[in-house]
Amino acid sequence: MNKRVDLTIDQLGALGALHAEREAARDFDAVMGTLCDNPRYEYPALGKGFSGRSNAERFYRWFFENFSPKVTHYVLINQWVNEGSVAQEYDVTLTFDDVDETHRILGVLFVEGDKLGGEVVYASEAAIRRMTGPMFSELVEL
């Protein structure tokens, strides 16, 4: 991470909140507007991730069309902001075939300049599979 940060802690907190709000609203253009030119997404539990603007666009199109509609409830457990990142911890309940699944997801949004450089996502493999869909098999080793 350790990239240049051109935001104050308050601005960073506001950017993280905007990203989360627009993500919940499935606002593709606004979410992409919060990201730098070459965002990175990492899943440390798997030792895998992806990077690049086109991959982020593919991810969010899948996420909004296939994951978000299955979210029946979510709770923000806590949020932390420091000089270079915003961490947001959620319990997210998804419903598939009338069966509820609740996943604990911790996302650490990190900054690059005045935009988000991407996210480090701590979640179960099952949750990551649900979030990434067909991109799961394309995740690369970190």
Protein backbone atom coordinates (compact mmCIF):
# COMPACT_ATOMS: atom_id res chain seq x y z
CA MET A 1 0.00 0.00 0.00
CA ASN A 2 2.16 2.94 1.22
CA LYS A 3 1.14 5.17 -1.69
CA ARG A 4 0.92 8.93 -1.77
CA VAL A 5 -2.09 10.28 0.15
CA ASP A 6 -3.47 13.70 -0.79
CA LEU A 7 -6.43 13.68 1.61
CA THR A 8 -6.93 14.63 5.22
CA ILE A 9 -8.34 12.00 7.57
CA ASP A 10 -11.76 13.71 7.38
CA GLN A 11 -11.68 13.73 3.56
CA LEU A 12 -10.60 10.10 3.55
CA GLY A 13 -13.46 9.16 5.87
CA ALA A 14 -15.90 11.02 3.63
CA LEU A 15 -14.54 9.26 0.51
CA GLY A 16 -14.88 5.86 2.18
CA ALA A 17 -18.44 6.68 3.26
CA LEU A 18 -19.32 7.90 -0.25
CA HIS A 19 -17.90 4.72 -1.79
CA ALA A 20 -19.92 2.52 0.61
CA GLU A 21 -23.10 4.56 0.11
CA ARG A 22 -22.85 4.46 -3.68
CA GLU A 23 -21.98 0.76 -3.58
CA ALA A 24 -25.14 0.07 -1.55
CA ALA A 25 -27.12 2.13 -4.10
CA ARG A 26 -25.56 0.12 -6.99
CA ASP A 27 -24.37 3.36 -8.56
CA PHE A 28 -21.72 2.06 -10.94
CA ASP A 29 -20.49 5.42 -12.25
CA ALA A 30 -20.19 6.98 -8.79
CA VAL A 31 -18.34 3.94 -7.39
CA MET A 32 -15.92 3.93 -10.30
CA GLY A 33 -15.47 7.67 -9.75
CA THR A 34 -14.09 7.00 -6.27
CA LEU A 35 -11.35 4.71 -7.64
CA CYS A 36 -7.89 5.50 -8.99
CA ASP A 37 -6.88 4.55 -12.54
CA ASN A 38 -5.39 1.18 -11.57
CA PRO A 39 -7.21 -0.17 -8.49
CA ARG A 40 -6.18 -3.37 -6.71
CA TYR A 41 -8.42 -5.80 -4.87
CA GLU A 42 -6.80 -8.31 -2.55
CA TYR A 43 -8.23 -11.30 -0.69
CA PRO A 44 -5.53 -12.24 1.87
CA ALA A 45 -7.40 -15.33 3.13
CA LEU A 46 -6.90 -16.79 -0.34
CA GLY A 47 -3.60 -15.11 -1.16
CA LYS A 48 -5.22 -13.89 -4.38
CA GLY A 49 -6.62 -10.76 -5.98
CA PHE A 50 -6.99 -8.73 -9.14
CA SER A 51 -6.00 -5.32 -10.41
CA GLY A 52 -6.71 -2.88 -13.20
CA ARG A 53 -9.55 -0.58 -14.16
CA SER A 54 -11.17 -3.02 -16.61
CA ASN A 55 -11.17 -5.80 -14.00
CA ALA A 56 -12.67 -3.43 -11.40
CA GLU A 57 -15.39 -2.53 -13.89
CA ARG A 58 -16.10 -6.23 -14.57
CA PHE A 59 -16.15 -6.91 -10.84
CA TYR A 60 -18.62 -4.11 -10.05
CA ARG A 61 -20.91 -4.97 -12.95
CA TRP A 62 -21.12 -8.57 -11.65
CA PHE A 63 -21.37 -7.42 -8.04
CA PHE A 64 -24.27 -5.02 -8.74
CA GLU A 65 -26.17 -7.40 -11.01
CA ASN A 66 -25.69 -10.66 -9.10
CA PHE A 67 -24.46 -10.13 -5.54
CA SER A 68 -26.19 -6.92 -4.41
CA PRO A 69 -29.73 -8.11 -5.27
CA LYS A 70 -29.17 -11.08 -2.93
CA VAL A 71 -28.34 -8.83 0.05
CA THR A 72 -31.37 -8.89 2.32
CA HIS A 73 -29.76 -7.23 5.33
CA TYR A 74 -26.48 -5.68 6.36
CA VAL A 75 -25.11 -4.06 9.49
CA LEU A 76 -22.04 -1.86 9.74
CA ILE A 77 -20.28 -3.25 12.82
CA ASN A 78 -17.59 -0.60 12.96
CA GLN A 79 -15.51 1.79 10.87
CA TRP A 80 -11.97 3.01 11.42
CA VAL A 81 -10.14 5.77 9.58
CA ASN A 82 -6.43 6.50 9.62
CA GLU A 83 -4.02 8.51 7.45
CA GLY A 84 -4.13 6.04 4.55
CA SER A 85 -7.22 3.87 4.79
CA VAL A 86 -10.81 3.34 5.86
CA ALA A 87 -11.74 -0.03 7.33
CA GLN A 88 -15.39 -1.06 7.37
CA GLU A 89 -16.61 -4.24 9.07
CA TYR A 90 -20.04 -5.60 8.12
CA ASP A 91 -22.32 -8.52 8.71
CA VAL A 92 -24.02 -9.15 5.37
CA THR A 93 -26.99 -11.49 4.96
CA LEU A 94 -27.61 -12.92 1.51
CA THR A 95 -30.57 -15.02 0.43
CA PHE A 96 -30.15 -17.77 -2.17
CA ASP A 97 -33.03 -20.16 -2.90
CA ASP A 98 -34.85 -19.03 0.27
CA VAL A 99 -31.81 -19.82 2.43
CA ASP A 100 -30.09 -17.03 4.36
CA GLU A 101 -26.31 -16.84 4.67
CA THR A 102 -24.63 -14.31 6.94
CA HIS A 103 -21.03 -13.38 6.22
CA ARG A 104 -18.65 -11.18 8.24
CA ILE A 105 -16.75 -8.98 5.79
CA LEU A 106 -13.98 -6.55 6.65
CA GLY A 107 -12.99 -4.26 3.81
CA VAL A 108 -9.97 -1.98 4.05
CA LEU A 109 -10.21 0.77 1.44
CA PHE A 110 -6.81 2.30 0.87
CA VAL A 111 -5.92 5.62 -0.74
CA GLU A 112 -3.77 6.43 -3.71
CA GLY A 113 -3.46 10.20 -4.15
CA ASP A 114 -6.98 11.59 -3.81
CA LYS A 115 -8.87 8.42 -4.81
CA LEU A 116 -9.27 4.92 -3.47
CA GLY A 117 -6.49 2.62 -4.64
CA GLY A 118 -8.67 -0.42 -4.09
CA GLU A 119 -9.59 -2.69 -1.24
CA VAL A 120 -8.22 -5.48 0.90
CA VAL A 121 -11.14 -7.78 1.73
CA TYR A 122 -11.08 -10.17 4.68
CA ALA A 123 -13.89 -12.69 4.28
CA SER A 124 -14.53 -16.40 3.93
CA GLU A 125 -13.88 -18.15 0.65
CA ALA A 126 -17.64 -18.65 0.29
CA ALA A 127 -18.27 -14.90 0.59
CA ILE A 128 -15.48 -14.09 -1.86
CA ARG A 129 -16.86 -16.61 -4.35
CA ARG A 130 -20.28 -14.96 -4.03
CA MET A 131 -18.80 -11.46 -4.49
CA THR A 132 -16.55 -12.22 -7.44
CA GLY A 133 -18.68 -14.74 -9.33
CA PRO A 134 -17.01 -15.83 -12.57
CA MET A 135 -13.93 -13.73 -11.78
CA PHE A 136 -13.13 -16.06 -8.85
CA SER A 137 -11.33 -18.51 -11.14
CA GLU A 138 -9.32 -15.63 -12.62
CA LEU A 139 -7.94 -14.29 -9.34
CA VAL A 140 -4.15 -14.25 -9.41
CA GLU A 141 -1.65 -15.09 -6.68
CA LEU A 142 -0.55 -12.06 -4.67
